[in-house]
């Protein structure tokens, strides 16, 4: 059973970024194992939200399927086959509206094109959001632009409002940021800043509401 699916970028299993991020969050999204986290105050609480989603960068945000899972996977494969692999710039720990995340250190047009293409190409498989889902999104006091994107694509932070980020924490207070940002920078030192290639996308699945997301399929770009 699949409650929701999403299309994410996640590092390859043999990329050192994968075990480093899994340890930081306390969960491996590929195996659901729970590696030991760094010894930091309340690290489990600070990382609880991103841990449930697994380490990733969102391309097509989570949604309920309008059609079957097999048909969705087939279309993801067809879409991915038309996308050429490309280089991802070095990453660094950055503050994004109070959250810590790994983000690109220089512009990467193919990355934005990949996200935009995923949102549009796979949208026929997205079931419309419920009124409860819309209400939860609107609690953030959306701008007119975000409201229009929510109405069209079921999510307010896509297309022109999309930003690449691989979330590491919940929103932090200034005091928490002063503790966790240096710790995250040290944890990912020599790993995040290494340029890497995006050669695949991942379909993440959620078995039931509230369940953690897991990597269901890794689908190669370029066929």
N, C-alpha and C. Protein backbone atom coordinates (compact mmCIF):
# COMPACT_ATOMS: atom_id res chain seq x y z
N UNK A 1 0.84 -1.19 0.00
CA UNK A 1 0.00 0.00 0.00
C UNK A 1 0.87 1.24 0.00
N UNK A 2 0.46 2.25 -0.76
CA UNK A 2 1.19 3.51 -0.84
C UNK A 2 0.22 4.65 -0.57
N UNK A 3 0.47 5.42 0.50
CA UNK A 3 -0.39 6.56 0.80
C UNK A 3 -0.01 7.76 -0.06
N UNK A 4 1.30 8.01 -0.17
CA UNK A 4 1.78 9.13 -0.98
C UNK A 4 3.10 8.75 -1.64
N UNK A 5 3.40 9.43 -2.72
CA UNK A 5 4.68 9.28 -3.41
C UNK A 5 5.28 10.66 -3.61
N UNK A 6 6.56 10.69 -3.90
CA UNK A 6 7.26 11.93 -4.22
C UNK A 6 8.44 11.58 -5.11
N UNK A 7 8.90 12.54 -5.88
CA UNK A 7 10.12 12.36 -6.68
C UNK A 7 11.16 13.30 -6.11
N UNK A 8 12.25 12.71 -5.63
CA UNK A 8 13.30 13.45 -4.95
C UNK A 8 14.65 13.17 -5.61
N UNK A 9 15.59 14.06 -5.36
CA UNK A 9 17.00 13.71 -5.57
C UNK A 9 17.54 13.24 -4.23
N UNK A 10 18.24 12.12 -4.24
CA UNK A 10 18.95 11.62 -3.06
C UNK A 10 20.30 11.11 -3.54
N UNK A 11 21.35 11.30 -2.75
CA UNK A 11 22.67 10.85 -3.19
C UNK A 11 22.72 9.35 -3.39
N UNK A 12 23.62 8.93 -4.23
CA UNK A 12 23.81 7.50 -4.49
C UNK A 12 24.23 6.79 -3.20
N UNK A 13 23.89 5.51 -3.05
CA UNK A 13 24.26 4.79 -1.83
C UNK A 13 25.76 4.76 -1.55
N UNK A 14 26.59 4.80 -2.62
CA UNK A 14 28.04 4.76 -2.43
C UNK A 14 28.66 6.16 -2.33
N UNK A 15 27.85 7.19 -2.38
CA UNK A 15 28.32 8.55 -2.17
C UNK A 15 28.49 8.76 -0.66
N UNK A 16 29.65 9.23 -0.18
CA UNK A 16 29.82 9.45 1.26
C UNK A 16 28.76 10.37 1.87
N UNK A 17 28.11 11.18 1.03
CA UNK A 17 27.07 12.05 1.55
C UNK A 17 25.90 11.25 2.11
N UNK A 18 25.65 10.08 1.52
CA UNK A 18 24.50 9.27 1.98
C UNK A 18 24.66 8.81 3.43
N UNK A 19 25.75 8.13 3.79
CA UNK A 19 25.86 7.73 5.20
C UNK A 19 26.03 8.90 6.15
N UNK A 20 26.70 9.97 5.70
CA UNK A 20 26.87 11.12 6.57
C UNK A 20 25.52 11.76 6.90
N UNK A 21 24.68 11.94 5.89
CA UNK A 21 23.37 12.54 6.11
C UNK A 21 22.45 11.60 6.89
N UNK A 22 22.54 10.31 6.61
CA UNK A 22 21.73 9.34 7.35
C UNK A 22 22.07 9.37 8.84
N UNK A 23 23.37 9.48 9.15
CA UNK A 23 23.79 9.56 10.55
C UNK A 23 23.32 10.86 11.18
N UNK A 24 23.40 11.96 10.45
CA UNK A 24 22.95 13.24 10.99
C UNK A 24 21.47 13.18 11.35
N UNK A 25 20.65 12.63 10.44
CA UNK A 25 19.21 12.57 10.66
C UNK A 25 18.78 11.41 11.56
N UNK A 26 19.61 10.39 11.66
CA UNK A 26 19.25 9.23 12.46
C UNK A 26 18.40 8.22 11.74
N UNK A 27 18.36 8.29 10.42
CA UNK A 27 17.62 7.29 9.64
C UNK A 27 18.13 7.24 8.23
N UNK A 28 18.29 6.01 7.71
CA UNK A 28 18.67 5.78 6.33
C UNK A 28 17.40 5.57 5.53
N UNK A 29 17.13 6.47 4.57
CA UNK A 29 15.88 6.39 3.81
C UNK A 29 15.87 5.21 2.85
N UNK A 30 17.02 4.61 2.58
CA UNK A 30 17.06 3.44 1.72
C UNK A 30 16.74 2.15 2.44
N UNK A 31 17.23 2.03 3.68
CA UNK A 31 17.07 0.78 4.42
C UNK A 31 16.17 0.91 5.64
N UNK A 32 15.86 2.12 6.05
CA UNK A 32 15.11 2.43 7.26
C UNK A 32 15.90 2.11 8.52
N UNK A 33 17.20 1.86 8.38
CA UNK A 33 18.05 1.65 9.55
C UNK A 33 18.19 2.97 10.32
N UNK A 34 18.57 2.86 11.59
CA UNK A 34 18.69 4.04 12.45
C UNK A 34 20.13 4.17 12.95
N UNK A 35 21.01 4.78 12.15
CA UNK A 35 22.39 4.96 12.60
C UNK A 35 22.48 5.91 13.79
N UNK A 36 23.58 5.82 14.51
CA UNK A 36 23.79 6.66 15.69
C UNK A 36 24.02 8.10 15.25
N UNK A 37 23.32 9.03 15.87
CA UNK A 37 23.46 10.45 15.53
C UNK A 37 24.62 11.07 16.30
N UNK A 38 25.09 12.24 15.84
CA UNK A 38 26.13 12.95 16.58
C UNK A 38 25.67 13.27 18.00
N UNK A 39 26.63 13.39 18.90
CA UNK A 39 26.30 13.71 20.29
C UNK A 39 26.12 15.21 20.44
N UNK A 40 24.88 15.64 20.24
CA UNK A 40 24.51 17.05 20.35
C UNK A 40 23.21 17.14 21.13
N UNK A 41 23.01 18.22 21.87
CA UNK A 41 21.78 18.35 22.67
C UNK A 41 20.52 18.25 21.80
N UNK A 42 19.63 17.35 22.16
CA UNK A 42 18.33 17.19 21.50
C UNK A 42 18.44 17.02 19.99
N UNK A 43 19.49 16.35 19.53
CA UNK A 43 19.66 16.13 18.09
C UNK A 43 18.48 15.35 17.51
N UNK A 44 17.91 14.42 18.29
CA UNK A 44 16.77 13.64 17.79
C UNK A 44 15.57 14.54 17.56
N UNK A 45 15.32 15.47 18.47
CA UNK A 45 14.19 16.37 18.30
C UNK A 45 14.41 17.38 17.20
N UNK A 46 15.61 17.90 17.11
CA UNK A 46 15.94 18.91 16.10
C UNK A 46 15.78 18.35 14.68
N UNK A 47 16.04 17.05 14.53
CA UNK A 47 16.02 16.43 13.20
C UNK A 47 14.77 15.58 12.95
N UNK A 48 13.79 15.61 13.85
CA UNK A 48 12.64 14.71 13.74
C UNK A 48 11.87 14.90 12.43
N UNK A 49 11.60 16.14 12.06
CA UNK A 49 10.82 16.38 10.84
C UNK A 49 11.55 15.92 9.59
N UNK A 50 12.79 16.36 9.33
CA UNK A 50 13.46 15.87 8.13
C UNK A 50 13.75 14.37 8.18
N UNK A 51 13.90 13.81 9.37
CA UNK A 51 14.15 12.36 9.46
C UNK A 51 12.97 11.58 8.88
N UNK A 52 11.74 12.05 9.12
CA UNK A 52 10.58 11.31 8.64
C UNK A 52 10.48 11.30 7.12
N UNK A 53 11.02 12.35 6.48
CA UNK A 53 10.98 12.42 5.02
C UNK A 53 12.19 11.76 4.36
N UNK A 54 13.25 11.54 5.12
CA UNK A 54 14.47 11.00 4.56
C UNK A 54 15.30 12.09 3.92
N UNK A 55 16.60 11.89 3.85
CA UNK A 55 17.49 12.91 3.28
C UNK A 55 17.24 13.02 1.78
N UNK A 56 16.91 14.24 1.34
CA UNK A 56 16.53 14.41 -0.06
C UNK A 56 16.48 15.88 -0.43
N UNK A 57 16.36 16.13 -1.72
CA UNK A 57 15.95 17.44 -2.25
C UNK A 57 14.68 17.20 -3.06
N UNK A 58 13.66 17.98 -2.79
CA UNK A 58 12.36 17.78 -3.44
C UNK A 58 12.41 18.20 -4.91
N UNK A 59 11.88 17.35 -5.77
CA UNK A 59 11.65 17.69 -7.17
C UNK A 59 10.14 17.78 -7.41
N UNK A 60 9.45 16.67 -7.27
CA UNK A 60 7.97 16.64 -7.30
C UNK A 60 7.49 16.38 -5.88
N UNK A 61 6.85 17.35 -5.23
CA UNK A 61 6.49 17.20 -3.81
C UNK A 61 5.53 16.04 -3.59
N UNK A 62 5.44 15.55 -2.35
CA UNK A 62 4.57 14.41 -2.03
C UNK A 62 3.12 14.64 -2.43
N UNK A 63 2.50 13.59 -2.94
CA UNK A 63 1.09 13.66 -3.33
C UNK A 63 0.48 12.26 -3.31
N UNK A 64 -0.83 12.23 -3.23
CA UNK A 64 -1.56 10.98 -3.36
C UNK A 64 -1.75 10.66 -4.85
N UNK A 65 -1.70 9.38 -5.17
CA UNK A 65 -1.80 8.97 -6.57
C UNK A 65 -3.24 8.97 -7.06
N UNK A 66 -3.44 9.54 -8.24
CA UNK A 66 -4.74 9.47 -8.89
C UNK A 66 -4.91 8.16 -9.63
N UNK A 67 -3.78 7.60 -10.07
CA UNK A 67 -3.78 6.34 -10.81
C UNK A 67 -2.94 5.33 -10.03
N UNK A 68 -2.68 4.19 -10.62
CA UNK A 68 -1.92 3.15 -9.94
C UNK A 68 -0.43 3.47 -9.84
N UNK A 69 0.22 2.79 -8.90
CA UNK A 69 1.65 2.98 -8.68
C UNK A 69 2.46 2.54 -9.89
N UNK A 70 2.10 1.44 -10.51
CA UNK A 70 2.84 0.92 -11.66
C UNK A 70 2.81 1.91 -12.82
N UNK A 71 1.65 2.50 -13.08
CA UNK A 71 1.54 3.48 -14.16
C UNK A 71 2.38 4.71 -13.86
N UNK A 72 2.39 5.12 -12.60
CA UNK A 72 3.21 6.26 -12.20
C UNK A 72 4.69 5.96 -12.43
N UNK A 73 5.16 4.81 -11.98
CA UNK A 73 6.58 4.45 -12.17
C UNK A 73 6.95 4.42 -13.65
N UNK A 74 6.06 3.92 -14.47
CA UNK A 74 6.34 3.85 -15.91
C UNK A 74 6.53 5.25 -16.48
N UNK A 75 5.70 6.18 -16.04
CA UNK A 75 5.83 7.55 -16.54
C UNK A 75 7.06 8.25 -15.98
N UNK A 76 7.43 7.95 -14.74
CA UNK A 76 8.67 8.51 -14.21
C UNK A 76 9.85 8.03 -15.05
N UNK A 77 9.86 6.76 -15.40
CA UNK A 77 10.95 6.22 -16.20
C UNK A 77 10.99 6.86 -17.58
N UNK A 78 9.83 7.06 -18.19
CA UNK A 78 9.79 7.70 -19.51
C UNK A 78 10.27 9.14 -19.43
N UNK A 79 9.84 9.85 -18.39
CA UNK A 79 10.29 11.23 -18.21
C UNK A 79 11.80 11.30 -17.98
N UNK A 80 12.30 10.46 -17.09
CA UNK A 80 13.73 10.48 -16.75
C UNK A 80 14.61 10.12 -17.94
N UNK A 81 14.11 9.27 -18.82
CA UNK A 81 14.91 8.85 -19.98
C UNK A 81 15.25 10.02 -20.89
N UNK A 82 14.45 11.07 -20.85
CA UNK A 82 14.68 12.23 -21.72
C UNK A 82 15.53 13.31 -21.06
N UNK A 83 16.00 13.06 -19.84
CA UNK A 83 16.80 14.04 -19.11
C UNK A 83 18.24 13.56 -19.05
N UNK A 84 19.18 14.39 -19.47
CA UNK A 84 20.60 14.03 -19.44
C UNK A 84 21.17 14.24 -18.03
N UNK A 85 22.03 13.34 -17.56
CA UNK A 85 22.71 13.58 -16.28
C UNK A 85 23.50 14.89 -16.34
N UNK A 86 23.72 15.48 -15.19
CA UNK A 86 24.43 16.76 -15.15
C UNK A 86 25.17 16.91 -13.83
N UNK A 87 26.10 17.85 -13.79
CA UNK A 87 26.91 18.08 -12.60
C UNK A 87 26.16 18.93 -11.59
N UNK A 88 26.23 18.51 -10.34
CA UNK A 88 25.67 19.29 -9.23
C UNK A 88 26.81 20.08 -8.60
N UNK A 89 26.65 21.38 -8.42
CA UNK A 89 27.72 22.15 -7.78
C UNK A 89 27.99 21.66 -6.36
N UNK A 90 29.13 22.07 -5.83
CA UNK A 90 29.43 21.78 -4.44
C UNK A 90 28.31 22.30 -3.54
N UNK A 91 28.09 21.61 -2.44
CA UNK A 91 27.05 21.98 -1.49
C UNK A 91 27.69 22.54 -0.22
N UNK A 92 26.91 23.32 0.52
CA UNK A 92 27.37 23.81 1.81
C UNK A 92 26.18 23.93 2.75
N UNK A 93 26.46 23.92 4.05
CA UNK A 93 25.41 24.12 5.05
C UNK A 93 25.02 25.59 5.04
N UNK A 94 23.73 25.83 4.85
CA UNK A 94 23.22 27.20 4.79
C UNK A 94 21.95 27.33 5.62
N UNK A 95 21.65 28.55 6.01
CA UNK A 95 20.42 28.87 6.72
C UNK A 95 19.36 29.25 5.69
N UNK A 96 18.25 28.52 5.68
CA UNK A 96 17.16 28.80 4.75
C UNK A 96 15.90 29.07 5.57
N UNK A 97 15.63 30.34 5.80
CA UNK A 97 14.43 30.75 6.54
C UNK A 97 14.36 30.09 7.91
N UNK A 98 15.52 29.96 8.54
CA UNK A 98 15.57 29.40 9.88
C UNK A 98 15.89 27.92 9.95
N UNK A 99 15.78 27.22 8.82
CA UNK A 99 16.16 25.82 8.75
C UNK A 99 17.61 25.71 8.31
N UNK A 100 18.32 24.70 8.76
CA UNK A 100 19.62 24.38 8.19
C UNK A 100 19.42 23.36 7.07
N UNK A 101 20.12 23.59 5.97
CA UNK A 101 20.01 22.69 4.82
C UNK A 101 21.31 22.72 4.04
N UNK A 102 21.56 21.65 3.31
CA UNK A 102 22.63 21.66 2.33
C UNK A 102 22.07 22.26 1.05
N UNK A 103 22.77 23.28 0.53
CA UNK A 103 22.31 23.96 -0.67
C UNK A 103 23.47 24.14 -1.63
N UNK A 104 23.15 24.38 -2.91
CA UNK A 104 24.18 24.56 -3.90
C UNK A 104 24.93 25.87 -3.65
N UNK A 105 26.21 25.89 -4.00
CA UNK A 105 27.05 27.06 -3.77
C UNK A 105 27.13 27.97 -4.99
N UNK A 106 26.55 27.57 -6.09
CA UNK A 106 26.50 28.40 -7.29
C UNK A 106 25.28 28.01 -8.11
N UNK A 107 24.81 28.90 -8.99
CA UNK A 107 23.62 28.58 -9.78
C UNK A 107 23.80 27.32 -10.62
N UNK A 108 22.71 26.58 -10.77
CA UNK A 108 22.73 25.34 -11.56
C UNK A 108 21.44 25.25 -12.35
N UNK A 109 21.38 25.90 -13.52
CA UNK A 109 20.14 25.89 -14.31
C UNK A 109 19.58 24.50 -14.59
N UNK A 110 20.41 23.46 -14.88
CA UNK A 110 19.80 22.14 -15.12
C UNK A 110 19.05 21.60 -13.91
N UNK A 111 19.47 21.99 -12.72
CA UNK A 111 18.81 21.54 -11.51
C UNK A 111 17.40 22.10 -11.42
N UNK A 112 17.27 23.39 -11.69
CA UNK A 112 15.94 24.01 -11.68
C UNK A 112 15.07 23.46 -12.80
N UNK A 113 15.67 23.22 -13.95
CA UNK A 113 14.92 22.65 -15.07
C UNK A 113 14.41 21.26 -14.73
N UNK A 114 15.22 20.48 -14.01
CA UNK A 114 14.80 19.13 -13.61
C UNK A 114 13.58 19.19 -12.70
N UNK A 115 13.61 20.09 -11.71
CA UNK A 115 12.48 20.21 -10.79
C UNK A 115 11.22 20.68 -11.51
N UNK A 116 11.36 21.70 -12.34
CA UNK A 116 10.20 22.21 -13.07
C UNK A 116 9.60 21.12 -13.96
N UNK A 117 10.47 20.38 -14.63
CA UNK A 117 10.01 19.33 -15.53
C UNK A 117 9.29 18.22 -14.77
N UNK A 118 9.82 17.85 -13.60
CA UNK A 118 9.17 16.79 -12.80
C UNK A 118 7.77 17.21 -12.38
N UNK A 119 7.64 18.45 -11.93
CA UNK A 119 6.34 18.94 -11.47
C UNK A 119 5.32 18.86 -12.59
N UNK A 120 5.71 19.30 -13.77
CA UNK A 120 4.76 19.35 -14.89
C UNK A 120 4.52 17.99 -15.52
N UNK A 121 5.60 17.24 -15.79
CA UNK A 121 5.48 16.01 -16.56
C UNK A 121 4.70 14.92 -15.83
N UNK A 122 4.74 14.93 -14.50
CA UNK A 122 4.13 13.85 -13.73
C UNK A 122 2.82 14.26 -13.06
N UNK A 123 2.32 15.44 -13.39
CA UNK A 123 1.18 15.98 -12.65
C UNK A 123 -0.12 15.23 -12.92
N UNK A 124 -0.21 14.54 -14.04
CA UNK A 124 -1.44 13.79 -14.31
C UNK A 124 -1.68 12.69 -13.29
N UNK A 125 -0.62 12.30 -12.57
CA UNK A 125 -0.75 11.24 -11.57
C UNK A 125 -1.12 11.77 -10.18
N UNK A 126 -1.19 13.07 -10.03
CA UNK A 126 -1.45 13.67 -8.72
C UNK A 126 -2.95 13.80 -8.46
N UNK A 127 -3.40 13.18 -7.39
CA UNK A 127 -4.79 13.39 -6.96
C UNK A 127 -4.92 14.80 -6.39
N UNK A 128 -6.02 15.49 -6.63
CA UNK A 128 -6.19 16.84 -6.09
C UNK A 128 -6.09 16.84 -4.57
N UNK A 129 -5.52 17.88 -3.98
CA UNK A 129 -5.45 17.95 -2.52
C UNK A 129 -6.84 18.08 -1.91
N UNK A 130 -6.98 17.53 -0.72
CA UNK A 130 -8.25 17.65 -0.01
C UNK A 130 -8.35 19.06 0.60
N UNK A 131 -9.53 19.40 1.07
CA UNK A 131 -9.70 20.70 1.72
C UNK A 131 -8.84 20.80 2.98
N UNK A 132 -8.69 19.69 3.70
CA UNK A 132 -7.83 19.70 4.89
C UNK A 132 -6.37 19.96 4.50
N UNK A 133 -5.92 19.34 3.41
CA UNK A 133 -4.55 19.55 2.96
C UNK A 133 -4.33 20.99 2.54
N UNK A 134 -5.30 21.55 1.83
CA UNK A 134 -5.19 22.95 1.42
C UNK A 134 -5.16 23.87 2.65
N UNK A 135 -5.99 23.58 3.62
CA UNK A 135 -6.05 24.41 4.82
C UNK A 135 -4.71 24.38 5.56
N UNK A 136 -4.07 23.21 5.62
CA UNK A 136 -2.77 23.13 6.29
C UNK A 136 -1.73 23.98 5.58
N UNK A 137 -1.75 23.96 4.26
CA UNK A 137 -0.81 24.77 3.50
C UNK A 137 -1.05 26.27 3.72
N UNK A 138 -2.31 26.63 3.81
CA UNK A 138 -2.66 28.06 3.93
C UNK A 138 -2.38 28.62 5.31
N UNK A 139 -2.08 27.77 6.28
CA UNK A 139 -1.71 28.27 7.60
C UNK A 139 -0.43 29.10 7.52
N UNK A 140 0.37 28.89 6.46
CA UNK A 140 1.62 29.63 6.30
C UNK A 140 1.40 31.04 5.76
N UNK A 141 0.14 31.45 5.59
CA UNK A 141 -0.18 32.78 5.07
C UNK A 141 0.51 33.00 3.72
N UNK A 142 0.05 32.25 2.75
CA UNK A 142 0.67 32.23 1.43
C UNK A 142 0.50 33.57 0.71
N UNK A 143 1.50 33.91 -0.07
CA UNK A 143 1.40 35.06 -0.96
C UNK A 143 0.47 34.72 -2.11
N UNK A 144 0.13 35.72 -2.91
CA UNK A 144 -0.72 35.47 -4.08
C UNK A 144 -0.04 34.49 -5.04
N UNK A 145 1.27 34.64 -5.19
CA UNK A 145 2.02 33.74 -6.08
C UNK A 145 1.98 32.31 -5.55
N UNK A 146 2.17 32.15 -4.26
CA UNK A 146 2.13 30.82 -3.67
C UNK A 146 0.73 30.22 -3.76
N UNK A 147 -0.28 31.03 -3.56
CA UNK A 147 -1.66 30.56 -3.65
C UNK A 147 -1.96 30.06 -5.06
N UNK A 148 -1.48 30.77 -6.07
CA UNK A 148 -1.70 30.36 -7.46
C UNK A 148 -1.01 29.03 -7.75
N UNK A 149 0.20 28.86 -7.22
CA UNK A 149 0.91 27.60 -7.43
C UNK A 149 0.23 26.45 -6.69
N UNK A 150 -0.27 26.72 -5.50
CA UNK A 150 -1.01 25.70 -4.76
C UNK A 150 -2.24 25.25 -5.54
N UNK A 151 -2.96 26.21 -6.12
CA UNK A 151 -4.16 25.88 -6.88
C UNK A 151 -3.82 25.08 -8.14
N UNK A 152 -2.72 25.43 -8.79
CA UNK A 152 -2.37 24.77 -10.06
C UNK A 152 -1.65 23.44 -9.86
N UNK A 153 -0.71 23.40 -8.91
CA UNK A 153 0.17 22.24 -8.80
C UNK A 153 0.03 21.48 -7.48
N UNK A 154 -0.84 21.95 -6.59
CA UNK A 154 -1.04 21.26 -5.33
C UNK A 154 0.02 21.53 -4.28
N UNK A 155 0.92 22.48 -4.55
CA UNK A 155 2.03 22.77 -3.64
C UNK A 155 2.49 24.20 -3.93
N UNK A 156 2.75 25.01 -2.91
CA UNK A 156 3.04 26.43 -3.17
C UNK A 156 4.48 26.76 -3.50
N UNK A 157 5.41 25.80 -3.31
CA UNK A 157 6.83 26.14 -3.45
C UNK A 157 7.45 25.36 -4.61
N UNK A 158 6.87 25.55 -5.80
CA UNK A 158 7.37 24.91 -7.01
C UNK A 158 7.60 25.98 -8.08
N UNK A 159 8.10 25.54 -9.20
CA UNK A 159 8.37 26.42 -10.34
C UNK A 159 9.21 27.62 -9.90
N UNK A 160 8.75 28.83 -10.10
CA UNK A 160 9.55 30.00 -9.77
C UNK A 160 9.82 30.17 -8.29
N UNK A 161 9.06 29.48 -7.43
CA UNK A 161 9.26 29.57 -5.99
C UNK A 161 10.09 28.41 -5.43
N UNK A 162 10.56 27.52 -6.30
CA UNK A 162 11.33 26.36 -5.86
C UNK A 162 12.76 26.75 -5.52
N UNK A 163 13.27 26.17 -4.45
CA UNK A 163 14.67 26.35 -4.08
C UNK A 163 15.24 24.98 -3.71
N UNK A 164 16.39 24.66 -4.29
CA UNK A 164 17.06 23.40 -3.95
C UNK A 164 17.50 23.45 -2.49
N UNK A 165 17.14 22.42 -1.74
CA UNK A 165 17.63 22.32 -0.36
C UNK A 165 17.46 20.89 0.12
N UNK A 166 18.42 20.45 0.91
CA UNK A 166 18.40 19.13 1.53
C UNK A 166 18.37 19.38 3.03
N UNK A 167 17.17 19.29 3.61
CA UNK A 167 16.91 19.78 4.96
C UNK A 167 17.63 18.94 6.02
N UNK A 168 18.20 19.65 7.00
CA UNK A 168 18.95 19.01 8.08
C UNK A 168 18.30 19.20 9.45
N UNK A 169 17.46 20.21 9.62
CA UNK A 169 16.87 20.50 10.93
C UNK A 169 15.45 21.05 10.76
N UNK A 170 14.76 21.15 11.86
CA UNK A 170 13.55 21.95 11.90
C UNK A 170 13.97 23.42 11.95
N UNK A 171 12.98 24.33 11.97
CA UNK A 171 13.32 25.74 12.12
C UNK A 171 13.94 25.96 13.50
N UNK A 172 15.06 26.68 13.54
CA UNK A 172 15.84 26.84 14.77
C UNK A 172 15.71 28.26 15.34
N UNK A 173 15.87 28.34 16.62
CA UNK A 173 16.03 29.66 17.24
C UNK A 173 17.44 30.15 16.94
N UNK A 174 17.70 31.45 17.10
CA UNK A 174 19.07 31.94 16.88
C UNK A 174 20.10 31.22 17.76
N UNK A 175 19.74 30.90 18.98
CA UNK A 175 20.67 30.21 19.88
C UNK A 175 20.92 28.78 19.39
N UNK A 176 19.89 28.11 18.94
CA UNK A 176 20.07 26.76 18.40
C UNK A 176 20.91 26.80 17.13
N UNK A 177 20.68 27.79 16.28
CA UNK A 177 21.45 27.91 15.05
C UNK A 177 22.94 28.08 15.35
N UNK A 178 23.25 28.85 16.37
CA UNK A 178 24.65 29.08 16.73
C UNK A 178 25.34 27.79 17.18
N UNK A 179 24.57 26.86 17.70
CA UNK A 179 25.12 25.56 18.09
C UNK A 179 25.17 24.59 16.92
N UNK A 180 24.05 24.48 16.20
CA UNK A 180 23.92 23.42 15.21
C UNK A 180 24.60 23.72 13.87
N UNK A 181 24.69 24.99 13.50
CA UNK A 181 25.33 25.25 12.21
C UNK A 181 26.81 24.87 12.22
N UNK A 182 27.61 25.28 13.20
CA UNK A 182 29.00 24.81 13.21
C UNK A 182 29.12 23.29 13.31
N UNK A 183 28.20 22.67 14.07
CA UNK A 183 28.24 21.21 14.19
C UNK A 183 27.95 20.54 12.84
N UNK A 184 26.97 21.08 12.12
CA UNK A 184 26.65 20.51 10.80
C UNK A 184 27.79 20.75 9.82
N UNK A 185 28.38 21.92 9.86
CA UNK A 185 29.51 22.20 8.97
C UNK A 185 30.66 21.24 9.23
N UNK A 186 30.93 20.95 10.50
CA UNK A 186 31.99 20.01 10.83
C UNK A 186 31.62 18.59 10.39
N UNK A 187 30.35 18.22 10.59
CA UNK A 187 29.90 16.87 10.25
C UNK A 187 30.03 16.60 8.75
N UNK A 188 29.73 17.60 7.92
CA UNK A 188 29.75 17.40 6.47
C UNK A 188 31.04 17.92 5.81
N UNK A 189 32.01 18.33 6.61
CA UNK A 189 33.27 18.85 6.06
C UNK A 189 33.95 17.79 5.19
N UNK A 190 34.40 18.21 4.01
CA UNK A 190 35.07 17.29 3.10
C UNK A 190 34.14 16.37 2.34
N UNK A 191 32.83 16.47 2.59
CA UNK A 191 31.84 15.61 1.92
C UNK A 191 30.89 16.45 1.08
N UNK A 192 30.25 17.43 1.71
CA UNK A 192 29.25 18.23 0.99
C UNK A 192 29.86 19.03 -0.13
N UNK A 193 31.09 19.51 0.06
CA UNK A 193 31.69 20.40 -0.92
C UNK A 193 32.30 19.73 -2.12
N UNK A 194 32.18 18.43 -2.22
CA UNK A 194 32.73 17.70 -3.37
C UNK A 194 31.71 17.71 -4.50
N UNK A 195 32.05 18.23 -5.68
CA UNK A 195 31.09 18.20 -6.80
C UNK A 195 30.68 16.77 -7.11
N UNK A 196 29.43 16.60 -7.48
CA UNK A 196 28.92 15.26 -7.79
C UNK A 196 27.96 15.36 -8.98
N UNK A 197 27.62 14.23 -9.54
CA UNK A 197 26.73 14.20 -10.69
C UNK A 197 25.35 13.74 -10.26
N UNK A 198 24.33 14.38 -10.82
CA UNK A 198 22.97 13.87 -10.66
C UNK A 198 22.68 12.98 -11.86
N UNK A 199 22.68 11.68 -11.61
CA UNK A 199 22.46 10.71 -12.68
C UNK A 199 21.21 9.89 -12.49
N UNK A 200 20.45 10.20 -11.43
CA UNK A 200 19.23 9.43 -11.15
C UNK A 200 18.31 10.27 -10.27
N UNK A 201 17.06 9.92 -10.29
CA UNK A 201 16.08 10.47 -9.36
C UNK A 201 15.50 9.31 -8.57
N UNK A 202 14.89 9.61 -7.43
CA UNK A 202 14.32 8.57 -6.58
C UNK A 202 12.84 8.79 -6.39
N UNK A 203 12.09 7.71 -6.48
CA UNK A 203 10.69 7.72 -6.07
C UNK A 203 10.65 7.31 -4.61
N UNK A 204 10.21 8.21 -3.76
CA UNK A 204 10.02 7.92 -2.34
C UNK A 204 8.55 7.56 -2.12
N UNK A 205 8.31 6.63 -1.23
CA UNK A 205 6.96 6.19 -0.94
C UNK A 205 6.67 6.29 0.55
N UNK A 206 5.42 6.55 0.86
CA UNK A 206 4.93 6.59 2.24
C UNK A 206 3.80 5.57 2.35
N UNK A 207 3.97 4.58 3.22
CA UNK A 207 3.02 3.47 3.26
C UNK A 207 1.67 3.87 3.85
N UNK A 208 1.67 4.83 4.78
CA UNK A 208 0.43 5.25 5.43
C UNK A 208 0.63 6.65 5.97
N UNK A 209 -0.45 7.40 6.19
CA UNK A 209 -0.28 8.75 6.75
C UNK A 209 0.53 8.72 8.04
N UNK A 210 1.55 9.59 8.10
CA UNK A 210 2.41 9.64 9.27
C UNK A 210 3.58 8.70 9.23
N UNK A 211 3.58 7.75 8.29
CA UNK A 211 4.69 6.80 8.19
C UNK A 211 5.90 7.50 7.55
N UNK A 212 7.11 7.01 7.81
CA UNK A 212 8.29 7.61 7.19
C UNK A 212 8.34 7.33 5.70
N UNK A 213 8.96 8.23 4.96
CA UNK A 213 9.17 8.03 3.53
C UNK A 213 10.41 7.16 3.32
N UNK A 214 10.32 6.27 2.34
CA UNK A 214 11.43 5.37 2.00
C UNK A 214 11.70 5.45 0.51
N UNK A 215 12.94 5.19 0.13
CA UNK A 215 13.28 5.12 -1.29
C UNK A 215 12.67 3.85 -1.87
N UNK A 216 11.71 4.03 -2.77
CA UNK A 216 11.07 2.88 -3.41
C UNK A 216 11.79 2.46 -4.68
N UNK A 217 12.23 3.42 -5.47
CA UNK A 217 12.91 3.14 -6.72
C UNK A 217 13.95 4.22 -6.98
N UNK A 218 15.05 3.83 -7.57
CA UNK A 218 16.05 4.79 -8.07
C UNK A 218 16.06 4.64 -9.58
N UNK A 219 15.73 5.71 -10.29
CA UNK A 219 15.51 5.66 -11.73
C UNK A 219 16.56 6.52 -12.43
N UNK A 220 17.30 5.91 -13.33
CA UNK A 220 18.41 6.58 -13.98
C UNK A 220 17.94 7.62 -14.99
N UNK A 221 18.63 8.74 -15.03
CA UNK A 221 18.40 9.73 -16.07
C UNK A 221 19.04 9.25 -17.37
N UNK A 222 18.48 9.69 -18.47
CA UNK A 222 19.04 9.32 -19.77
C UNK A 222 18.73 7.91 -20.20
N UNK A 223 17.79 7.25 -19.54
CA UNK A 223 17.38 5.91 -19.95
C UNK A 223 18.26 4.81 -19.38
